Amino acid sequence: QVQLVESGGTLVQPGGSLRLSCVASGSIFRLYTMAWYRQAPGNARELIASVTTGGVPDYVDSVKGRFTISRDNADNTLYLQMDSLKVEDTAVYYCNTKSENWWWGQGTQVTVSS
């Protein structure tokens, strides 16, 4: 079973930037379309961005133009560059395959507040 470890979340002011990382324990990482998800308090977890094995990204409208997903298959690492952050981006951020094949990690908390 692949383990996922997310990091990079912190408190940031509106308009700021953060870069999240997700390290997968297995080399099969490269075989899957990967995704970032987030869960805000009181809400269900939602998929916000995905990237294919070949590096083609896709985003939900709420983050399009502000977030950039990327991957490094050599290091089994998924990234999420978040710019122009808004208060409504506050959530716990998780990574997984787009089909949610693996156990969820603990996530990383992003808080956007002045």
PDB file of N, CA and C in Angstrom:
ATOM      1  N   GLN A   1       0.846  -1.201   0.000  1.00  0.00           N
ATOM      2  CA  GLN A   1       0.000   0.000   0.000  1.00  0.00           C
ATOM      3  C   GLN A   1       0.879   1.247   0.000  1.00  0.00           C
ATOM      4  N   VAL A   2       0.573   2.143  -0.902  1.00  0.00           N
ATOM      5  CA  VAL A   2       1.337   3.380  -1.003  1.00  0.00           C
ATOM      6  C   VAL A   2       0.937   4.326   0.128  1.00  0.00           C
ATOM      7  N   GLN A   3       1.918   4.938   0.752  1.00  0.00           N
ATOM      8  CA  GLN A   3       1.657   5.952   1.780  1.00  0.00           C
ATOM      9  C   GLN A   3       1.892   7.338   1.186  1.00  0.00           C
ATOM     10  N   LEU A   4       1.046   8.273   1.589  1.00  0.00           N
ATOM     11  CA  LEU A   4       1.099   9.641   1.095  1.00  0.00           C
ATOM     12  C   LEU A   4       1.363  10.589   2.252  1.00  0.00           C
ATOM     13  N   VAL A   5       2.308  11.493   2.056  1.00  0.00           N
ATOM     14  CA  VAL A   5       2.640  12.466   3.092  1.00  0.00           C
ATOM     15  C   VAL A   5       2.605  13.863   2.475  1.00  0.00           C
ATOM     16  N   GLU A   6       1.642  14.649   2.926  1.00  0.00           N
ATOM     17  CA  GLU A   6       1.490  16.020   2.446  1.00  0.00           C
ATOM     18  C   GLU A   6       2.202  16.981   3.383  1.00  0.00           C
ATOM     19  N   SER A   7       2.704  18.086   2.824  1.00  0.00           N
ATOM     20  CA  SER A   7       3.361  19.100   3.633  1.00  0.00           C
ATOM     21  C   SER A   7       3.287  20.448   2.924  1.00  0.00           C
ATOM     22  N   GLY A   8       3.634  21.487   3.679  1.00  0.00           N
ATOM     23  CA  GLY A   8       3.718  22.822   3.102  1.00  0.00           C
ATOM     24  C   GLY A   8       2.622  23.772   3.519  1.00  0.00           C
ATOM     25  N   GLY A   9       1.590  23.271   4.183  1.00  0.00           N
ATOM     26  CA  GLY A   9       0.503  24.136   4.596  1.00  0.00           C
ATOM     27  C   GLY A   9       0.892  24.997   5.788  1.00  0.00           C
ATOM     28  N   THR A  10       0.305  26.172   5.860  1.00  0.00           N
ATOM     29  CA  THR A  10       0.553  27.100   6.952  1.00  0.00           C
ATOM     30  C   THR A  10      -0.477  28.215   6.913  1.00  0.00           C
ATOM     31  N   LEU A  11      -0.306  29.194   7.778  1.00  0.00           N
ATOM     32  CA  LEU A  11      -1.150  30.384   7.780  1.00  0.00           C
ATOM     33  C   LEU A  11      -0.564  31.398   6.796  1.00  0.00           C
ATOM     34  N   VAL A  12      -1.400  31.931   5.940  1.00  0.00           N
ATOM     35  CA  VAL A  12      -0.946  32.902   4.944  1.00  0.00           C
ATOM     36  C   VAL A  12      -2.018  33.975   4.773  1.00  0.00           C
ATOM     37  N   GLN A  13      -1.597  35.172   4.426  1.00  0.00           N
ATOM     38  CA  GLN A  13      -2.537  36.272   4.233  1.00  0.00           C
ATOM     39  C   GLN A  13      -3.208  36.168   2.865  1.00  0.00           C
ATOM     40  N   PRO A  14      -4.392  36.722   2.745  1.00  0.00           N
ATOM     41  CA  PRO A  14      -5.041  36.762   1.425  1.00  0.00           C
ATOM     42  C   PRO A  14      -4.122  37.409   0.395  1.00  0.00           C
ATOM     43  N   GLY A  15      -4.096  36.823  -0.790  1.00  0.00           N
ATOM     44  CA  GLY A  15      -3.212  37.300  -1.836  1.00  0.00           C
ATOM     45  C   GLY A  15      -1.845  36.649  -1.831  1.00  0.00           C
ATOM     46  N   GLY A  16      -1.557  35.889  -0.801  1.00  0.00           N
ATOM     47  CA  GLY A  16      -0.254  35.254  -0.682  1.00  0.00           C
ATOM     48  C   GLY A  16      -0.143  33.974  -1.486  1.00  0.00           C
ATOM     49  N   SER A  17       1.007  33.316  -1.344  1.00  0.00           N
ATOM     50  CA  SER A  17       1.298  32.098  -2.100  1.00  0.00           C
ATOM     51  C   SER A  17       1.825  31.016  -1.173  1.00  0.00           C
ATOM     52  N   LEU A  18       1.578  29.785  -1.578  1.00  0.00           N
ATOM     53  CA  LEU A  18       2.114  28.616  -0.884  1.00  0.00           C
ATOM     54  C   LEU A  18       2.412  27.538  -1.913  1.00  0.00           C
ATOM     55  N   ARG A  19       3.335  26.669  -1.559  1.00  0.00           N
ATOM     56  CA  ARG A  19       3.602  25.495  -2.388  1.00  0.00           C
ATOM     57  C   ARG A  19       3.464  24.253  -1.520  1.00  0.00           C
ATOM     58  N   LEU A  20       2.537  23.406  -1.885  1.00  0.00           N
ATOM     59  CA  LEU A  20       2.327  22.157  -1.182  1.00  0.00           C
ATOM     60  C   LEU A  20       3.072  21.027  -1.888  1.00  0.00           C
ATOM     61  N   SER A  21       3.493  20.055  -1.080  1.00  0.00           N
ATOM     62  CA  SER A  21       4.154  18.864  -1.621  1.00  0.00           C
ATOM     63  C   SER A  21       3.463  17.621  -1.098  1.00  0.00           C
ATOM     64  N   CYS A  22       3.542  16.576  -1.886  1.00  0.00           N
ATOM     65  CA  CYS A  22       2.999  15.277  -1.494  1.00  0.00           C
ATOM     66  C   CYS A  22       3.979  14.226  -1.976  1.00  0.00           C
ATOM     67  N   VAL A  23       4.523  13.482  -1.034  1.00  0.00           N
ATOM     68  CA  VAL A  23       5.468  12.424  -1.377  1.00  0.00           C
ATOM     69  C   VAL A  23       4.780  11.079  -1.238  1.00  0.00           C
ATOM     70  N   ALA A  24       4.887  10.268  -2.281  1.00  0.00           N
ATOM     71  CA  ALA A  24       4.332   8.913  -2.273  1.00  0.00           C
ATOM     72  C   ALA A  24       5.456   7.924  -2.025  1.00  0.00           C
ATOM     73  N   SER A  25       5.127   6.856  -1.275  1.00  0.00           N
ATOM     74  CA  SER A  25       6.181   5.920  -0.875  1.00  0.00           C
ATOM     75  C   SER A  25       6.552   4.933  -1.973  1.00  0.00           C
ATOM     76  N   GLY A  26       5.718   4.788  -2.996  1.00  0.00           N
ATOM     77  CA  GLY A  26       5.973   3.778  -4.003  1.00  0.00           C
ATOM     78  C   GLY A  26       6.272   4.337  -5.382  1.00  0.00           C
ATOM     79  N   SER A  27       7.083   3.632  -6.147  1.00  0.00           N
ATOM     80  CA  SER A  27       7.441   4.096  -7.485  1.00  0.00           C
ATOM     81  C   SER A  27       6.293   3.960  -8.475  1.00  0.00           C
ATOM     82  N   ILE A  28       5.222   3.257  -8.059  1.00  0.00           N
ATOM     83  CA  ILE A  28       4.064   3.162  -8.956  1.00  0.00           C
ATOM     84  C   ILE A  28       3.357   4.506  -9.090  1.00  0.00           C
ATOM     85  N   PHE A  29       3.794   5.477  -8.306  1.00  0.00           N
ATOM     86  CA  PHE A  29       3.282   6.852  -8.415  1.00  0.00           C
ATOM     87  C   PHE A  29       3.213   7.285  -9.866  1.00  0.00           C
ATOM     88  N   ARG A  30       4.254   6.933 -10.631  1.00  0.00           N
ATOM     89  CA  ARG A  30       4.362   7.424 -12.006  1.00  0.00           C
ATOM     90  C   ARG A  30       3.286   6.840 -12.923  1.00  0.00           C
ATOM     91  N   LEU A  31       2.607   5.801 -12.471  1.00  0.00           N
ATOM     92  CA  LEU A  31       1.631   5.112 -13.312  1.00  0.00           C
ATOM     93  C   LEU A  31       0.218   5.680 -13.182  1.00  0.00           C
ATOM     94  N   TYR A  32       0.040   6.620 -12.275  1.00  0.00           N
ATOM     95  CA  TYR A  32      -1.306   7.089 -11.966  1.00  0.00           C
ATOM     96  C   TYR A  32      -1.496   8.573 -12.266  1.00  0.00           C
ATOM     97  N   THR A  33      -2.683   8.916 -12.702  1.00  0.00           N
ATOM     98  CA  THR A  33      -3.094  10.317 -12.691  1.00  0.00           C
ATOM     99  C   THR A  33      -3.283  10.704 -11.230  1.00  0.00           C
ATOM    100  N   MET A  34      -2.601  11.752 -10.815  1.00  0.00           N
ATOM    101  CA  MET A  34      -2.623  12.190  -9.432  1.00  0.00           C
ATOM    102  C   MET A  34      -3.479  13.445  -9.274  1.00  0.00           C
ATOM    103  N   ALA A  35      -3.920  13.674  -8.047  1.00  0.00           N
ATOM    104  CA  ALA A  35      -4.824  14.803  -7.814  1.00  0.00           C
ATOM    105  C   ALA A  35      -4.615  15.404  -6.437  1.00  0.00           C
ATOM    106  N   TRP A  36      -4.979  16.665  -6.338  1.00  0.00           N
ATOM    107  CA  TRP A  36      -5.077  17.344  -5.056  1.00  0.00           C
ATOM    108  C   TRP A  36      -6.552  17.500  -4.724  1.00  0.00           C
ATOM    109  N   TYR A  37      -6.834  17.306  -3.449  1.00  0.00           N
ATOM    110  CA  TYR A  37      -8.175  17.462  -2.919  1.00  0.00           C
ATOM    111  C   TYR A  37      -8.114  18.425  -1.740  1.00  0.00           C
ATOM    112  N   ARG A  38      -9.252  18.954  -1.364  1.00  0.00           N
ATOM    113  CA  ARG A  38      -9.291  19.757  -0.148  1.00  0.00           C
ATOM    114  C   ARG A  38     -10.627  19.572   0.551  1.00  0.00           C
ATOM    115  N   GLN A  39     -10.587  19.776   1.861  1.00  0.00           N
ATOM    116  CA  GLN A  39     -11.798  19.661   2.667  1.00  0.00           C
ATOM    117  C   GLN A  39     -11.854  20.826   3.628  1.00  0.00           C
ATOM    118  N   ALA A  40     -12.822  21.692   3.409  1.00  0.00           N
ATOM    119  CA  ALA A  40     -13.045  22.822   4.301  1.00  0.00           C
ATOM    120  C   ALA A  40     -13.968  22.377   5.433  1.00  0.00           C
ATOM    121  N   PRO A  41     -13.926  23.076   6.565  1.00  0.00           N
ATOM    122  CA  PRO A  41     -14.783  22.696   7.694  1.00  0.00           C
ATOM    123  C   PRO A  41     -16.251  22.624   7.309  1.00  0.00           C
ATOM    124  N   GLY A  42     -16.868  21.498   7.651  1.00  0.00           N
ATOM    125  CA  GLY A  42     -18.289  21.321   7.355  1.00  0.00           C
ATOM    126  C   GLY A  42     -18.603  20.910   5.940  1.00  0.00           C
ATOM    127  N   ASN A  43     -17.562  20.774   5.111  1.00  0.00           N
ATOM    128  CA  ASN A  43     -17.775  20.414   3.709  1.00  0.00           C
ATOM    129  C   ASN A  43     -17.191  19.043   3.399  1.00  0.00           C
ATOM    130  N   ALA A  44     -17.651  18.468   2.305  1.00  0.00           N
ATOM    131  CA  ALA A  44     -17.077  17.214   1.834  1.00  0.00           C
ATOM    132  C   ALA A  44     -15.736  17.473   1.161  1.00  0.00           C
ATOM    133  N   ARG A  45     -14.924  16.456   1.100  1.00  0.00           N
ATOM    134  CA  ARG A  45     -13.651  16.580   0.389  1.00  0.00           C
ATOM    135  C   ARG A  45     -13.941  16.709  -1.099  1.00  0.00           C
ATOM    136  N   GLU A  46     -13.237  17.626  -1.765  1.00  0.00           N
ATOM    137  CA  GLU A  46     -13.452  17.859  -3.181  1.00  0.00           C
ATOM    138  C   GLU A  46     -12.134  17.797  -3.935  1.00  0.00           C
ATOM    139  N   LEU A  47     -12.198  17.285  -5.139  1.00  0.00           N
ATOM    140  CA  LEU A  47     -11.038  17.273  -6.018  1.00  0.00           C
ATOM    141  C   LEU A  47     -10.902  18.652  -6.641  1.00  0.00           C
ATOM    142  N   ILE A  48      -9.707  19.229  -6.604  1.00  0.00           N
ATOM    143  CA  ILE A  48      -9.522  20.568  -7.147  1.00  0.00           C
ATOM    144  C   ILE A  48      -8.557  20.617  -8.330  1.00  0.00           C
ATOM    145  N   ALA A  49      -7.675  19.652  -8.429  1.00  0.00           N
ATOM    146  CA  ALA A  49      -6.712  19.666  -9.533  1.00  0.00           C
ATOM    147  C   ALA A  49      -6.195  18.254  -9.752  1.00  0.00           C
ATOM    148  N   SER A  50      -5.891  17.937 -10.999  1.00  0.00           N
ATOM    149  CA  SER A  50      -5.318  16.638 -11.324  1.00  0.00           C
ATOM    150  C   SER A  50      -4.254  16.797 -12.405  1.00  0.00           C
ATOM    151  N   VAL A  51      -3.387  15.821 -12.478  1.00  0.00           N
ATOM    152  CA  VAL A  51      -2.345  15.833 -13.509  1.00  0.00           C
ATOM    153  C   VAL A  51      -2.120  14.411 -13.990  1.00  0.00           C
ATOM    154  N   THR A  52      -2.100  14.242 -15.297  1.00  0.00           N
ATOM    155  CA  THR A  52      -1.939  12.910 -15.864  1.00  0.00           C
ATOM    156  C   THR A  52      -0.498  12.417 -15.708  1.00  0.00           C
ATOM    157  N   THR A  53      -0.280  11.175 -16.056  1.00  0.00           N
ATOM    158  CA  THR A  53       1.077  10.629 -15.989  1.00  0.00           C
ATOM    159  C   THR A  53       2.023  11.414 -16.888  1.00  0.00           C
ATOM    160  N   GLY A  54       1.506  11.990 -17.931  1.00  0.00           N
ATOM    161  CA  GLY A  54       2.316  12.775 -18.859  1.00  0.00           C
ATOM    162  C   GLY A  54       2.415  14.240 -18.517  1.00  0.00           C
ATOM    163  N   GLY A  55       1.781  14.642 -17.419  1.00  0.00           N
ATOM    164  CA  GLY A  55       1.907  16.019 -16.969  1.00  0.00           C
ATOM    165  C   GLY A  55       0.834  16.978 -17.443  1.00  0.00           C
ATOM    166  N   VAL A  56      -0.258  16.481 -17.976  1.00  0.00           N
ATOM    167  CA  VAL A  56      -1.339  17.354 -18.425  1.00  0.00           C
ATOM    168  C   VAL A  56      -2.249  17.681 -17.246  1.00  0.00           C
ATOM    169  N   PRO A  57      -2.397  18.963 -16.898  1.00  0.00           N
ATOM    170  CA  PRO A  57      -3.184  19.339 -15.728  1.00  0.00           C
ATOM    171  C   PRO A  57      -4.651  19.629 -16.050  1.00  0.00           C
ATOM    172  N   ASP A  58      -5.447  19.587 -15.002  1.00  0.00           N
ATOM    173  CA  ASP A  58      -6.845  19.977 -15.101  1.00  0.00           C
ATOM    174  C   ASP A  58      -7.244  20.567 -13.755  1.00  0.00           C
ATOM    175  N   TYR A  59      -8.146  21.557 -13.777  1.00  0.00           N
ATOM    176  CA  TYR A  59      -8.515  22.273 -12.560  1.00  0.00           C
ATOM    177  C   TYR A  59     -10.014  22.522 -12.502  1.00  0.00           C
ATOM    178  N   VAL A  60     -10.517  22.607 -11.289  1.00  0.00           N
ATOM    179  CA  VAL A  60     -11.873  23.090 -11.136  1.00  0.00           C
ATOM    180  C   VAL A  60     -11.864  24.603 -11.312  1.00  0.00           C
ATOM    181  N   ASP A  61     -13.016  25.155 -11.625  1.00  0.00           N
ATOM    182  CA  ASP A  61     -13.074  26.581 -11.948  1.00  0.00           C
ATOM    183  C   ASP A  61     -12.622  27.469 -10.794  1.00  0.00           C
ATOM    184  N   SER A  62     -12.882  27.046  -9.571  1.00  0.00           N
ATOM    185  CA  SER A  62     -12.580  27.897  -8.426  1.00  0.00           C
ATOM    186  C   SER A  62     -11.087  28.139  -8.219  1.00  0.00           C
ATOM    187  N   VAL A  63     -10.228  27.297  -8.775  1.00  0.00           N
ATOM    188  CA  VAL A  63      -8.786  27.473  -8.600  1.00  0.00           C
ATOM    189  C   VAL A  63      -8.070  27.724  -9.918  1.00  0.00           C
ATOM    190  N   LYS A  64      -8.780  27.616 -11.018  1.00  0.00           N
ATOM    191  CA  LYS A  64      -8.150  27.775 -12.327  1.00  0.00           C
ATOM    192  C   LYS A  64      -7.554  29.170 -12.450  1.00  0.00           C
ATOM    193  N   GLY A  65      -6.317  29.217 -12.921  1.00  0.00           N
ATOM    194  CA  GLY A  65      -5.634  30.498 -13.078  1.00  0.00           C
ATOM    195  C   GLY A  65      -4.881  30.943 -11.840  1.00  0.00           C
ATOM    196  N   ARG A  66      -5.115  30.276 -10.721  1.00  0.00           N
ATOM    197  CA  ARG A  66      -4.430  30.641  -9.469  1.00  0.00           C
ATOM    198  C   ARG A  66      -3.531  29.511  -8.962  1.00  0.00           C
ATOM    199  N   PHE A  67      -3.943  28.280  -9.181  1.00  0.00           N
ATOM    200  CA  PHE A  67      -3.190  27.115  -8.712  1.00  0.00           C
ATOM    201  C   PHE A  67      -2.526  26.406  -9.894  1.00  0.00           C
ATOM    202  N   THR A  68      -1.367  25.805  -9.614  1.00  0.00           N
ATOM    203  CA  THR A  68      -0.655  25.029 -10.626  1.00  0.00           C
ATOM    204  C   THR A  68      -0.240  23.691 -10.031  1.00  0.00           C
ATOM    205  N   ILE A  69      -0.700  22.612 -10.647  1.00  0.00           N
ATOM    206  CA  ILE A  69      -0.332  21.270 -10.207  1.00  0.00           C
ATOM    207  C   ILE A  69       0.806  20.767 -11.084  1.00  0.00           C
ATOM    208  N   SER A  70       1.740  20.062 -10.461  1.00  0.00           N
ATOM    209  CA  SER A  70       2.841  19.476 -11.213  1.00  0.00           C
ATOM    210  C   SER A  70       3.320  18.231 -10.486  1.00  0.00           C
ATOM    211  N   ARG A  71       4.163  17.474 -11.157  1.00  0.00           N
ATOM    212  CA  ARG A  71       4.648  16.240 -10.571  1.00  0.00           C
ATOM    213  C   ARG A  71       6.085  15.983 -10.982  1.00  0.00           C
ATOM    214  N   ASP A  72       6.789  15.273 -10.118  1.00  0.00           N
ATOM    215  CA  ASP A  72       8.147  14.814 -10.402  1.00  0.00           C
ATOM    216  C   ASP A  72       8.148  13.305 -10.212  1.00  0.00           C
ATOM    217  N   ASN A  73       8.062  12.581 -11.307  1.00  0.00           N
ATOM    218  CA  ASN A  73       7.969  11.122 -11.212  1.00  0.00           C
ATOM    219  C   ASN A  73       9.265  10.494 -10.690  1.00  0.00           C
ATOM    220  N   ALA A  74      10.369  11.145 -10.891  1.00  0.00           N
ATOM    221  CA  ALA A  74      11.646  10.609 -10.395  1.00  0.00           C
ATOM    222  C   ALA A  74      11.695  10.620  -8.867  1.00  0.00           C
ATOM    223  N   ASP A  75      11.026  11.591  -8.271  1.00  0.00           N
ATOM    224  CA  ASP A  75      11.018  11.717  -6.812  1.00  0.00           C
ATOM    225  C   ASP A  75       9.687  11.318  -6.182  1.00  0.00           C
ATOM    226  N   ASN A  76       8.783  10.781  -7.003  1.00  0.00           N
ATOM    227  CA  ASN A  76       7.463  10.362  -6.495  1.00  0.00           C
ATOM    228  C   ASN A  76       6.768  11.493  -5.740  1.00  0.00           C
ATOM    229  N   THR A  77       6.852  12.695  -6.291  1.00  0.00           N
ATOM    230  CA  THR A  77       6.345  13.869  -5.583  1.00  0.00           C
ATOM    231  C   THR A  77       5.348  14.641  -6.447  1.00  0.00           C
ATOM    232  N   LEU A  78       4.276  15.053  -5.802  1.00  0.00           N
ATOM    233  CA  LEU A  78       3.242  15.879  -6.415  1.00  0.00           C
ATOM    234  C   LEU A  78       3.292  17.249  -5.768  1.00  0.00           C
ATOM    235  N   TYR A  79       3.110  18.285  -6.562  1.00  0.00           N
ATOM    236  CA  TYR A  79       3.170  19.655  -6.059  1.00  0.00           C
ATOM    237  C   TYR A  79       1.877  20.403  -6.374  1.00  0.00           C
ATOM    238  N   LEU A  80       1.620  21.409  -5.546  1.00  0.00           N
ATOM    239  CA  LEU A  80       0.541  22.347  -5.836  1.00  0.00           C
ATOM    240  C   LEU A  80       1.027  23.741  -5.488  1.00  0.00           C
ATOM    241  N   GLN A  81       1.270  24.546  -6.505  1.00  0.00           N
ATOM    242  CA  GLN A  81       1.618  25.951  -6.317  1.00  0.00           C
ATOM    243  C   GLN A  81       0.327  26.748  -6.248  1.00  0.00           C
ATOM    244  N   MET A  82       0.138  27.444  -5.135  1.00  0.00           N
ATOM    245  CA  MET A  82      -1.088  28.191  -4.915  1.00  0.00           C
ATOM    246  C   MET A  82      -0.764  29.676  -4.824  1.00  0.00           C
ATOM    247  N   ASP A  83      -1.284  30.448  -5.732  1.00  0.00           N
ATOM    248  CA  ASP A  83      -1.075  31.886  -5.763  1.00  0.00           C
ATOM    249  C   ASP A  83      -2.405  32.617  -5.603  1.00  0.00           C
ATOM    250  N   SER A  84      -2.319  33.892  -5.288  1.00  0.00           N
ATOM    251  CA  SER A  84      -3.522  34.717  -5.117  1.00  0.00           C
ATOM    252  C   SER A  84      -4.534  34.032  -4.203  1.00  0.00           C
ATOM    253  N   LEU A  85      -4.047  33.578  -3.083  1.00  0.00           N
ATOM    254  CA  LEU A  85      -4.901  32.817  -2.173  1.00  0.00           C
ATOM    255  C   LEU A  85      -6.031  33.673  -1.617  1.00  0.00           C
ATOM    256  N   LYS A  86      -7.176  33.007  -1.424  1.00  0.00           N
ATOM    257  CA  LYS A  86      -8.369  33.653  -0.895  1.00  0.00           C
ATOM    258  C   LYS A  86      -8.770  32.991   0.424  1.00  0.00           C
ATOM    259  N   VAL A  87      -9.544  33.702   1.202  1.00  0.00           N
ATOM    260  CA  VAL A  87     -10.011  33.157   2.475  1.00  0.00           C
ATOM    261  C   VAL A  87     -10.725  31.825   2.250  1.00  0.00           C
ATOM    262  N   GLU A  88     -11.465  31.742   1.158  1.00  0.00           N
ATOM    263  CA  GLU A  88     -12.237  30.519   0.873  1.00  0.00           C
ATOM    264  C   GLU A  88     -11.370  29.330   0.460  1.00  0.00           C
ATOM    265  N   ASP A  89     -10.065  29.540   0.318  1.00  0.00           N
ATOM    266  CA  ASP A  89      -9.151  28.425   0.062  1.00  0.00           C
ATOM    267  C   ASP A  89      -8.748  27.714   1.354  1.00  0.00           C
ATOM    268  N   THR A  90      -9.150  28.247   2.479  1.00  0.00           N
ATOM    269  CA  THR A  90      -8.842  27.620   3.757  1.00  0.00           C
ATOM    270  C   THR A  90      -9.436  26.217   3.823  1.00  0.00           C
ATOM    271  N   ALA A  91      -8.575  25.237   4.074  1.00  0.00           N
ATOM    272  CA  ALA A  91      -9.005  23.841   4.077  1.00  0.00           C
ATOM    273  C   ALA A  91      -7.811  22.965   4.440  1.00  0.00           C
ATOM    274  N   VAL A  92      -8.094  21.693   4.678  1.00  0.00           N
ATOM    275  CA  VAL A  92      -7.040  20.684   4.746  1.00  0.00           C
ATOM    276  C   VAL A  92      -6.873  20.132   3.327  1.00  0.00           C
ATOM    277  N   TYR A  93      -5.640  20.110   2.865  1.00  0.00           N
ATOM    278  CA  TYR A  93      -5.334  19.672   1.508  1.00  0.00           C
ATOM    279  C   TYR A  93      -4.731  18.272   1.531  1.00  0.00           C
ATOM    280  N   TYR A  94      -5.212  17.432   0.634  1.00  0.00           N
ATOM    281  CA  TYR A  94      -4.776  16.051   0.519  1.00  0.00           C
ATOM    282  C   TYR A  94      -4.382  15.739  -0.920  1.00  0.00           C
ATOM    283  N   CYS A  95      -3.569  14.717  -1.071  1.00  0.00           N
ATOM    284  CA  CYS A  95      -3.298  14.193  -2.409  1.00  0.00           C
ATOM    285  C   CYS A  95      -3.717  12.727  -2.443  1.00  0.00           C
ATOM    286  N   ASN A  96      -3.970  12.256  -3.648  1.00  0.00           N
ATOM    287  CA  ASN A  96      -4.289  10.853  -3.884  1.00  0.00           C
ATOM    288  C   ASN A  96      -4.332  10.664  -5.384  1.00  0.00           C
ATOM    289  N   THR A  97      -4.534   9.460  -5.829  1.00  0.00           N
ATOM    290  CA  THR A  97      -4.792   9.267  -7.251  1.00  0.00           C
ATOM    291  C   THR A  97      -6.154   9.870  -7.576  1.00  0.00           C
ATOM    292  N   LYS A  98      -6.401  10.118  -8.828  1.00  0.00           N
ATOM    293  CA  LYS A  98      -7.685  10.711  -9.207  1.00  0.00           C
ATOM    294  C   LYS A  98      -8.833   9.756  -8.895  1.00  0.00           C
ATOM    295  N   SER A  99      -8.550   8.464  -8.837  1.00  0.00           N
ATOM    296  CA  SER A  99      -9.567   7.469  -8.502  1.00  0.00           C
ATOM    297  C   SER A  99      -9.550   7.101  -7.025  1.00  0.00           C
ATOM    298  N   GLU A 100      -8.770   7.841  -6.236  1.00  0.00           N
ATOM    299  CA  GLU A 100      -8.697   7.616  -4.790  1.00  0.00           C
ATOM    300  C   GLU A 100      -8.309   6.179  -4.456  1.00  0.00           C
ATOM    301  N   ASN A 101      -7.288   5.679  -5.128  1.00  0.00           N
ATOM    302  CA  ASN A 101      -6.902   4.284  -4.987  1.00  0.00           C
ATOM    303  C   ASN A 101      -6.199   3.968  -3.675  1.00  0.00           C
ATOM    304  N   TRP A 102      -5.545   5.005  -3.091  1.00  0.00           N
ATOM    305  CA  TRP A 102      -4.669   4.750  -1.953  1.00  0.00           C
ATOM    306  C   TRP A 102      -5.259   5.293  -0.661  1.00  0.00           C
ATOM    307  N   TRP A 103      -4.700   4.824   0.448  1.00  0.00           N
ATOM    308  CA  TRP A 103      -5.127   5.367   1.733  1.00  0.00           C
ATOM    309  C   TRP A 103      -4.827   6.855   1.803  1.00  0.00           C
ATOM    310  N   TRP A 104      -5.716   7.578   2.471  1.00  0.00           N
ATOM    311  CA  TRP A 104      -5.508   9.004   2.607  1.00  0.00           C
ATOM    312  C   TRP A 104      -4.417   9.291   3.634  1.00  0.00           C
ATOM    313  N   GLY A 105      -3.607  10.310   3.360  1.00  0.00           N
ATOM    314  CA  GLY A 105      -2.652  10.785   4.345  1.00  0.00           C
ATOM    315  C   GLY A 105      -3.342  11.692   5.350  1.00  0.00           C
ATOM    316  N   GLN A 106      -2.547  12.336   6.159  1.00  0.00           N
ATOM    317  CA  GLN A 106      -3.090  13.230   7.187  1.00  0.00           C
ATOM    318  C   GLN A 106      -3.462  14.596   6.630  1.00  0.00           C
ATOM    319  N   GLY A 107      -2.985  14.906   5.464  1.00  0.00           N
ATOM    320  CA  GLY A 107      -3.273  16.204   4.881  1.00  0.00           C
ATOM    321  C   GLY A 107      -2.408  17.295   5.471  1.00  0.00           C
ATOM    322  N   THR A 108      -2.529  18.478   4.893  1.00  0.00           N
ATOM    323  CA  THR A 108      -1.791  19.641   5.391  1.00  0.00           C
ATOM    324  C   THR A 108      -2.752  20.820   5.443  1.00  0.00           C
ATOM    325  N   GLN A 109      -2.749  21.525   6.567  1.00  0.00           N
ATOM    326  CA  GLN A 109      -3.702  22.609   6.800  1.00  0.00           C
ATOM    327  C   GLN A 109      -3.231  23.898   6.149  1.00  0.00           C
ATOM    328  N   VAL A 110      -4.102  24.470   5.337  1.00  0.00           N
ATOM    329  CA  VAL A 110      -3.865  25.795   4.758  1.00  0.00           C
ATOM    330  C   VAL A 110      -4.917  26.733   5.325  1.00  0.00           C
ATOM    331  N   THR A 111      -4.454  27.797   5.953  1.00  0.00           N
ATOM    332  CA  THR A 111      -5.349  28.796   6.503  1.00  0.00           C
ATOM    333  C   THR A 111      -5.026  30.136   5.872  1.00  0.00           C
ATOM    334  N   VAL A 112      -6.021  30.718   5.225  1.00  0.00           N
ATOM    335  CA  VAL A 112      -5.854  32.027   4.587  1.00  0.00           C
ATOM    336  C   VAL A 112      -6.648  33.039   5.394  1.00  0.00           C
ATOM    337  N   SER A 113      -5.922  33.924   6.043  1.00  0.00           N
ATOM    338  CA  SER A 113      -6.568  34.871   6.942  1.00  0.00           C
ATOM    339  C   SER A 113      -5.667  36.076   7.152  1.00  0.00           C
ATOM    340  N   SER A 114      -6.292  37.230   7.349  1.00  0.00           N
ATOM    341  CA  SER A 114      -5.522  38.424   7.658  1.00  0.00           C
ATOM    342  C   SER A 114      -5.414  38.621   9.156  1.00  0.00           C
TER     343      SER A 114
END
